[in-house]
Amino acid sequence: MSAEPALTVRDGVVVLSGRWTLASAGETLATLRARLAAERGRECWDLDGLAALDTFGALLLWRAWGRKLPAGVRIPARFTELFTTLGRFSVIEASRPPRDRLAPLVALGQGVLAALAHVRAFITLVGQLVIELGYVLRSPRRLPMLEISANLYKAGVRAMPVTALVAFLIGVVLSYLFALQLKRFGAEAFIVDVLGIGVIRELGPVLVAVLVAGRSGSAITAQLGVMRVTEEIDALATMGVPRHLRLVFPKVLALGVAMPLLVAWTCAIAILGGMLAAHFELGLDYEFFIANLPRAVPLPNLWIALCKGIAFGITIALVACHFGLRIKPNTESLSRSTTESVVAAITVVILLDAVFALATRNIGLGRG
């Protein structure tokens, strides 16, 4: 008997022979499928001549039969269990409910409810912090100074090198690009106005917020998430330690203090880079640049930048703590929530910047 699978038709009966297995099919698989498709409507099949049949071969026949046994099929007893198993799986597949046409609407509703749950939890977090603030004002000795100073160092001091490097490079690039355009109109002196307003009023605060959200925001979420996984937060609650006062309040206060300082630091470094690029590209003296900067950028722009820093810092800390406290005690939730925290923080920062732009559109843009 040939080892290769074969199919012949004798007096209206499809006779199978050979080894109908995955190892024996080989190059004849396409031919077998074509032959089976051609004989799909026949009811009489003879499997007595099969030397071997595995799950692969049985599945080929099962699909050719339309997922049911033909009326005139002859199956040896040793192969009956294979087709019985395939029949059970077909019943399970057939019993699956039909596709719900309202599934997209249900998914939309679930997304809206999830977003409302986030908003509700966020408002609850803010309210709890207000209560803790009142508690600290009544009992200043309970202020967690050690946690505040540690978070201020990690979120502020340790972020200075990376923000300085990025700000310097951004300042050089912006100054170089603006110089190329201003040269065409002979308006090289206005690079002080463009660079000063762009960096101090808009780019500096947003750049620092994005860097802090990716650096400190993710670290805060991961820290709280690990504490959730290791049940440290539950241990604090068991010992009667207010978790918001010890875990959330120091981070919010530290970022609220560190962010405006980082904004001032970043704007200064970015303007320094732009001043160097303007000197080499346009030949502007350093004295000219420094002398015209106060005229080009009125003082209210600096106050707007610092206020943005405070708002961005508090928002990033609140968003990071919100997602950190919602982490479930498993590593998958930890990684997912950390990513969502960074994305949400950056999104909220951009929305806040748009609100600031609309609210202060008539402030600080006049020539002094």
Protein backbone atom coordinates (compact mmCIF):
# COMPACT_ATOMS: atom_id res chain seq x y z
CA MET A 1 0.00 0.00 0.00
CA SER A 2 1.36 3.37 -0.99
CA ALA A 3 2.44 5.67 1.86
CA GLU A 4 1.27 8.80 0.04
CA PRO A 5 -2.36 9.84 0.53
CA ALA A 6 -4.54 9.06 -2.45
CA LEU A 7 -8.14 9.59 -3.51
CA THR A 8 -10.01 7.64 -6.21
CA VAL A 9 -13.67 7.36 -7.25
CA ARG A 10 -15.08 3.87 -7.85
CA ASP A 11 -18.75 3.43 -8.79
CA GLY A 12 -19.70 6.72 -7.18
CA VAL A 13 -17.79 5.98 -3.97
CA VAL A 14 -14.78 8.10 -2.98
CA VAL A 15 -12.08 5.67 -1.81
CA LEU A 16 -9.21 6.94 0.32
CA SER A 17 -5.91 5.15 0.68
CA GLY A 18 -2.40 5.73 1.98
CA ARG A 19 -1.32 7.71 5.03
CA TRP A 20 -3.43 10.84 5.52
CA THR A 21 -1.11 12.53 7.96
CA LEU A 22 0.69 15.85 8.14
CA ALA A 23 4.08 14.21 7.60
CA SER A 24 2.91 12.29 4.51
CA ALA A 25 0.97 15.12 2.83
CA GLY A 26 4.06 17.09 1.84
CA GLU A 27 3.92 18.42 -1.70
CA THR A 28 0.62 16.68 -2.45
CA LEU A 29 -1.33 18.86 0.02
CA ALA A 30 -2.53 21.34 -2.61
CA THR A 31 -3.58 18.48 -4.90
CA LEU A 32 -5.47 16.76 -2.07
CA ARG A 33 -7.36 19.93 -1.23
CA ALA A 34 -8.31 20.42 -4.88
CA ARG A 35 -9.53 16.83 -5.19
CA LEU A 36 -11.50 17.05 -1.97
CA ALA A 37 -13.11 20.29 -3.12
CA ALA A 38 -14.10 18.62 -6.40
CA GLU A 39 -15.77 15.72 -4.55
CA ARG A 40 -17.42 17.90 -1.89
CA GLY A 41 -21.01 16.97 -2.80
CA ARG A 42 -20.64 13.18 -2.67
CA GLU A 43 -22.32 11.23 0.12
CA CYS A 44 -20.47 7.90 -0.21
CA TRP A 45 -16.92 7.75 1.20
CA ASP A 46 -14.81 4.71 2.04
CA LEU A 47 -12.00 5.08 4.59
CA ASP A 48 -11.27 1.37 5.09
CA GLY A 49 -8.15 1.56 2.95
CA LEU A 50 -6.43 4.20 5.07
CA ALA A 51 -3.08 3.12 6.52
CA ALA A 52 -2.94 6.05 8.96
CA LEU A 53 -4.99 9.11 9.81
CA ASP A 54 -4.05 11.92 12.18
CA THR A 55 -5.86 15.06 13.29
CA PHE A 56 -4.57 16.99 10.27
CA GLY A 57 -5.96 14.49 7.78
CA ALA A 58 -9.23 14.16 9.65
CA LEU A 59 -9.63 17.95 9.62
CA LEU A 60 -9.07 18.03 5.85
CA LEU A 61 -11.87 15.53 5.37
CA TRP A 62 -14.10 17.20 7.96
CA ARG A 63 -13.92 20.54 6.17
CA ALA A 64 -14.53 18.88 2.79
CA TRP A 65 -17.65 17.21 4.23
CA GLY A 66 -19.06 20.54 5.38
CA ARG A 67 -18.29 19.87 9.07
CA LYS A 68 -20.63 16.88 9.28
CA LEU A 69 -20.42 13.18 8.46
CA PRO A 70 -21.80 12.21 5.03
CA ALA A 71 -24.72 9.81 5.01
CA GLY A 72 -22.82 6.98 3.27
CA VAL A 73 -19.42 7.21 4.91
CA ARG A 74 -17.53 4.11 6.10
CA ILE A 75 -15.07 4.84 8.89
CA PRO A 76 -12.93 2.18 10.59
CA ALA A 77 -13.42 1.93 14.33
CA ARG A 78 -9.87 3.11 15.06
CA PHE A 79 -10.59 6.48 13.41
CA THR A 80 -14.07 7.08 14.81
CA GLU A 81 -12.85 9.00 17.87
CA LEU A 82 -11.15 11.64 15.69
CA PHE A 83 -14.38 12.57 13.92
CA THR A 84 -16.36 12.40 17.17
CA THR A 85 -14.02 15.01 18.67
CA LEU A 86 -14.29 17.22 15.59
CA GLY A 87 -18.08 16.96 15.82
CA ARG A 88 -18.05 18.17 19.43
CA PHE A 89 -15.96 21.22 18.50
CA SER A 90 -18.31 22.00 15.59
CA VAL A 91 -21.28 21.96 17.98
CA ILE A 92 -19.48 24.45 20.28
CA GLU A 93 -18.62 26.68 17.33
CA ALA A 94 -22.17 26.54 15.99
CA SER A 95 -23.59 27.44 19.39
CA ARG A 96 -21.68 30.71 19.57
CA PRO A 97 -24.02 33.70 19.64
CA PRO A 98 -24.28 35.73 16.43
CA ARG A 99 -22.29 38.90 16.10
CA ASP A 100 -23.97 41.77 17.87
CA ARG A 101 -24.59 44.69 15.54
CA LEU A 102 -24.69 47.02 18.51
CA ALA A 103 -21.21 45.98 19.66
CA PRO A 104 -19.58 49.28 18.53
CA LEU A 105 -22.22 51.25 20.42
CA VAL A 106 -21.68 49.08 23.51
CA ALA A 107 -17.92 49.61 23.25
CA LEU A 108 -18.47 53.36 22.99
CA GLY A 109 -20.68 53.31 26.05
CA GLN A 110 -18.14 51.30 28.01
CA GLY A 111 -15.43 53.79 27.03
CA VAL A 112 -17.57 56.71 28.18
CA LEU A 113 -18.31 55.00 31.48
CA ALA A 114 -14.61 54.23 31.98
CA ALA A 115 -13.74 57.87 31.30
CA LEU A 116 -16.39 59.03 33.78
CA ALA A 117 -14.98 56.61 36.35
CA HIS A 118 -11.54 58.16 35.84
CA VAL A 119 -12.97 61.66 36.25
CA ARG A 120 -14.85 60.66 39.40
CA ALA A 121 -11.75 59.04 40.93
CA PHE A 122 -9.63 62.07 39.97
CA ILE A 123 -12.07 64.48 41.62
CA THR A 124 -12.11 62.26 44.71
CA LEU A 125 -8.32 62.37 44.81
CA VAL A 126 -8.30 66.18 44.56
CA GLY A 127 -10.91 66.44 47.30
CA GLN A 128 -8.92 64.14 49.56
CA LEU A 129 -5.84 66.29 49.02
CA VAL A 130 -7.80 69.43 49.95
CA ILE A 131 -8.84 67.71 53.18
CA GLU A 132 -5.22 66.72 53.87
CA LEU A 133 -4.11 70.30 53.18
CA GLY A 134 -6.55 71.60 55.77
CA TYR A 135 -5.28 68.98 58.20
CA VAL A 136 -1.67 70.08 57.62
CA LEU A 137 -2.57 73.76 58.07
CA ARG A 138 -4.11 72.94 61.44
CA SER A 139 -1.16 70.74 62.46
CA PRO A 140 1.97 71.95 60.66
CA ARG A 141 4.12 69.48 62.59
CA ARG A 142 2.48 66.62 60.66
CA LEU A 143 3.79 67.99 57.38
CA PRO A 144 5.93 65.19 55.80
CA MET A 145 9.01 67.34 55.20
CA LEU A 146 11.30 64.35 54.57
CA GLU A 147 9.09 63.01 51.75
CA ILE A 148 8.66 66.51 50.29
CA SER A 149 12.40 67.21 50.22
CA ALA A 150 13.13 63.78 48.72
CA ASN A 151 10.57 64.27 45.94
CA LEU A 152 11.78 67.84 45.37
CA TYR A 153 15.32 66.54 44.89
CA LYS A 154 14.30 63.69 42.58
CA ALA A 155 11.83 65.69 40.48
CA GLY A 156 13.74 68.99 40.45
CA VAL A 157 17.46 68.78 41.01
CA ARG A 158 17.98 65.48 39.19
CA ALA A 159 15.97 66.74 36.21
CA MET A 160 18.19 69.79 35.66
CA PRO A 161 20.88 68.12 33.49
CA VAL A 162 18.48 66.55 30.99
CA THR A 163 16.29 69.65 30.75
CA ALA A 164 19.38 71.83 30.26
CA LEU A 165 20.70 69.61 27.48
CA VAL A 166 17.37 69.46 25.64
CA ALA A 167 16.72 73.19 26.13
CA PHE A 168 20.16 74.18 24.84
CA LEU A 169 19.77 72.07 21.70
CA ILE A 170 16.22 73.33 21.10
CA GLY A 171 17.43 76.92 21.48
CA VAL A 172 20.24 76.38 18.98
CA VAL A 173 17.92 74.71 16.45
CA LEU A 174 15.19 77.36 16.75
CA SER A 175 17.66 80.21 16.48
CA TYR A 176 19.28 78.68 13.43
CA LEU A 177 15.93 78.10 11.68
CA PHE A 178 14.62 81.57 12.50
CA ALA A 179 17.90 83.11 11.33
CA LEU A 180 17.54 81.50 7.91
CA GLN A 181 14.10 83.07 7.46
CA LEU A 182 14.88 86.48 8.96
CA LYS A 183 17.95 86.89 6.73
CA ARG A 184 15.68 86.90 3.69
CA PHE A 185 13.94 90.06 4.92
CA GLY A 186 16.87 91.75 6.59
CA ALA A 187 15.20 91.48 9.98
CA GLU A 188 17.99 89.73 11.88
CA ALA A 189 17.44 91.87 14.99
CA PHE A 190 13.94 90.46 15.47
CA ILE A 191 15.34 87.06 16.35
CA VAL A 192 15.44 88.30 19.95
CA ASP A 193 11.68 88.91 19.88
CA VAL A 194 10.81 85.64 18.19
CA LEU A 195 13.10 83.47 20.27
CA GLY A 196 12.31 85.21 23.57
CA ILE A 197 8.51 85.08 23.21
CA GLY A 198 8.50 81.56 21.78
CA VAL A 199 10.74 80.04 24.43
CA ILE A 200 9.62 81.88 27.56
CA ARG A 201 5.91 82.06 26.91
CA GLU A 202 5.18 78.74 25.19
CA LEU A 203 7.98 76.34 24.38
CA GLY A 204 9.81 76.39 27.71
CA PRO A 205 6.91 75.41 29.99
CA VAL A 206 5.55 72.80 27.58
CA LEU A 207 8.99 71.29 26.98
CA VAL A 208 9.64 70.97 30.71
CA ALA A 209 6.16 69.51 31.27
CA VAL A 210 6.66 66.83 28.62
CA LEU A 211 10.07 65.89 30.03
CA VAL A 212 8.82 65.82 33.61
CA ALA A 213 5.73 63.81 32.63
CA GLY A 214 7.89 61.21 30.93
CA ARG A 215 10.52 61.17 33.67
CA SER A 216 8.98 62.01 37.04
CA GLY A 217 5.35 61.21 36.19
CA SER A 218 6.13 57.68 35.09
CA ALA A 219 8.39 57.20 38.12
CA ILE A 220 5.60 58.28 40.49
CA THR A 221 3.09 55.94 38.86
CA ALA A 222 5.53 53.04 38.89
CA GLN A 223 6.46 53.68 42.52
CA LEU A 224 2.85 53.68 43.69
CA GLY A 225 2.14 50.68 41.48
CA VAL A 226 4.97 48.66 43.01
CA MET A 227 3.72 49.62 46.45
CA ARG A 228 0.30 48.35 45.41
CA VAL A 229 1.75 45.08 44.10
CA THR A 230 3.80 44.53 47.27
CA GLU A 231 0.80 45.56 49.43
CA GLU A 232 2.73 48.40 51.10
CA ILE A 233 -0.21 50.77 50.63
CA ASP A 234 -2.51 48.31 52.42
CA ALA A 235 0.06 48.05 55.19
CA LEU A 236 0.02 51.84 55.63
CA ALA A 237 -3.77 51.78 55.89
CA THR A 238 -3.57 48.97 58.44
CA MET A 239 -1.17 51.01 60.59
CA GLY A 240 -3.47 54.04 60.40
CA VAL A 241 -1.08 56.13 58.25
CA PRO A 242 -3.01 58.40 55.83
CA ARG A 243 -1.78 57.31 52.40
CA HIS A 244 -2.70 60.57 50.69
CA LEU A 245 -0.72 62.61 53.20
CA ARG A 246 2.36 60.37 52.98
CA LEU A 247 2.29 59.32 49.32
CA VAL A 248 0.34 61.85 47.25
CA PHE A 249 0.63 65.21 49.01
CA PRO A 250 4.49 65.32 49.03
CA LYS A 251 4.66 64.52 45.31
CA VAL A 252 2.08 67.13 44.34
CA LEU A 253 3.70 69.82 46.49
CA ALA A 254 7.22 68.93 45.29
CA LEU A 255 6.29 69.09 41.60
CA GLY A 256 4.31 72.27 42.17
CA VAL A 257 7.45 73.90 43.59
CA ALA A 258 10.01 72.29 41.27
CA MET A 259 8.25 72.92 37.95
CA PRO A 260 8.38 76.76 37.88
CA LEU A 261 12.04 76.61 38.87
CA LEU A 262 12.71 74.11 36.10
CA VAL A 263 10.80 76.33 33.66
CA ALA A 264 12.98 79.33 34.54
CA TRP A 265 16.11 77.18 34.29
CA THR A 266 15.07 75.68 30.94
CA CYS A 267 14.11 79.02 29.41
CA ALA A 268 17.45 80.53 30.45
CA ILE A 269 19.43 77.65 28.93
CA ALA A 270 17.33 77.68 25.74
CA ILE A 271 17.85 81.43 25.30
CA LEU A 272 21.56 80.95 25.94
CA GLY A 273 21.71 78.37 23.16
CA GLY A 274 19.73 80.62 20.85
CA MET A 275 21.99 83.56 21.66
CA LEU A 276 25.10 81.54 20.77
CA ALA A 277 23.55 80.35 17.51
CA ALA A 278 22.45 83.90 16.63
CA HIS A 279 25.97 85.15 17.28
CA PHE A 280 27.59 82.64 14.93
CA GLU A 281 24.83 82.64 12.30
CA LEU A 282 23.81 86.31 12.23
CA GLY A 283 26.79 87.96 13.91
CA LEU A 284 24.67 89.50 16.69
CA ASP A 285 26.64 90.64 19.72
CA TYR A 286 25.87 89.10 23.07
CA GLU A 287 25.43 92.58 24.56
CA PHE A 288 22.82 93.45 21.92
CA PHE A 289 20.90 90.25 22.57
CA ILE A 290 20.89 90.66 26.36
CA ALA A 291 20.04 94.36 26.20
CA ASN A 292 17.06 93.85 23.87
CA LEU A 293 15.64 90.77 25.58
CA PRO A 294 13.72 92.74 28.31
CA ARG A 295 12.27 95.01 25.63
CA ALA A 296 11.26 92.09 23.40
CA VAL A 297 9.82 89.99 26.20
CA PRO A 298 7.81 92.01 28.75
CA LEU A 299 7.85 90.80 32.34
CA PRO A 300 4.26 89.42 32.30
CA ASN A 301 5.44 86.68 29.94
CA LEU A 302 7.79 85.38 32.62
CA TRP A 303 4.97 85.34 35.18
CA ILE A 304 2.76 83.48 32.72
CA ALA A 305 5.52 80.91 32.21
CA LEU A 306 5.97 80.43 35.96
CA CYS A 307 2.22 80.09 36.50
CA LYS A 308 2.14 77.50 33.73
CA GLY A 309 4.94 75.65 35.50
CA ILE A 310 2.98 75.52 38.77
CA ALA A 311 -0.21 74.35 37.04
CA PHE A 312 1.61 71.80 34.89
CA GLY A 313 3.55 70.42 37.86
CA ILE A 314 0.50 69.94 40.05
CA THR A 315 -1.45 68.41 37.16
CA ILE A 316 1.31 65.94 36.26
CA ALA A 317 1.65 64.84 39.88
CA LEU A 318 -2.11 64.40 40.29
CA VAL A 319 -2.45 62.39 37.08
CA ALA A 320 0.55 60.20 37.97
CA CYS A 321 -0.78 59.53 41.48
CA HIS A 322 -4.27 58.89 40.13
CA PHE A 323 -3.07 56.14 37.79
CA GLY A 324 -0.62 54.79 40.37
CA LEU A 325 -3.33 54.29 43.00
CA ARG A 326 -5.60 52.54 40.47
CA ILE A 327 -3.02 49.88 39.61
CA LYS A 328 -4.11 46.34 40.36
CA PRO A 329 -1.71 43.94 42.11
CA ASN A 330 -0.21 42.45 38.94
CA THR A 331 2.66 43.39 36.63
CA GLU A 332 0.50 43.77 33.52
CA SER A 333 -1.59 46.47 35.17
CA LEU A 334 1.61 48.16 36.34
CA SER A 335 3.07 48.51 32.85
CA ARG A 336 -0.24 49.51 31.26
CA SER A 337 -1.07 52.15 33.86
CA THR A 338 2.43 53.66 33.68
CA THR A 339 2.07 54.13 29.94
CA GLU A 340 -1.45 55.53 30.30
CA SER A 341 -0.21 57.92 32.99
CA VAL A 342 2.41 59.48 30.72
CA VAL A 343 0.02 59.78 27.78
CA ALA A 344 -2.75 61.28 29.93
CA ALA A 345 -0.37 63.73 31.63
CA ILE A 346 1.00 65.03 28.32
CA THR A 347 -2.51 65.32 26.88
CA VAL A 348 -3.80 67.27 29.88
CA VAL A 349 -0.74 69.53 29.80
CA ILE A 350 -1.38 70.42 26.16
CA LEU A 351 -5.04 71.14 26.95
CA LEU A 352 -4.01 73.35 29.87
CA ASP A 353 -1.55 75.18 27.64
CA ALA A 354 -4.37 75.89 25.18
CA VAL A 355 -6.48 77.26 28.04
CA PHE A 356 -3.59 79.47 29.17
CA ALA A 357 -3.10 80.69 25.60
CA LEU A 358 -6.75 81.74 25.34
CA ALA A 359 -6.87 83.27 28.81
CA THR A 360 -3.66 85.31 28.39
CA ARG A 361 -3.86 86.19 24.71
CA ASN A 362 -3.99 89.94 25.53
CA ILE A 363 -1.31 89.89 28.22
CA GLY A 364 2.39 90.44 27.73
CA LEU A 365 2.44 90.70 23.94
CA GLY A 366 2.85 94.46 23.69
CA ARG A 367 6.19 96.12 23.05
CA GLY A 368 7.64 97.72 26.15
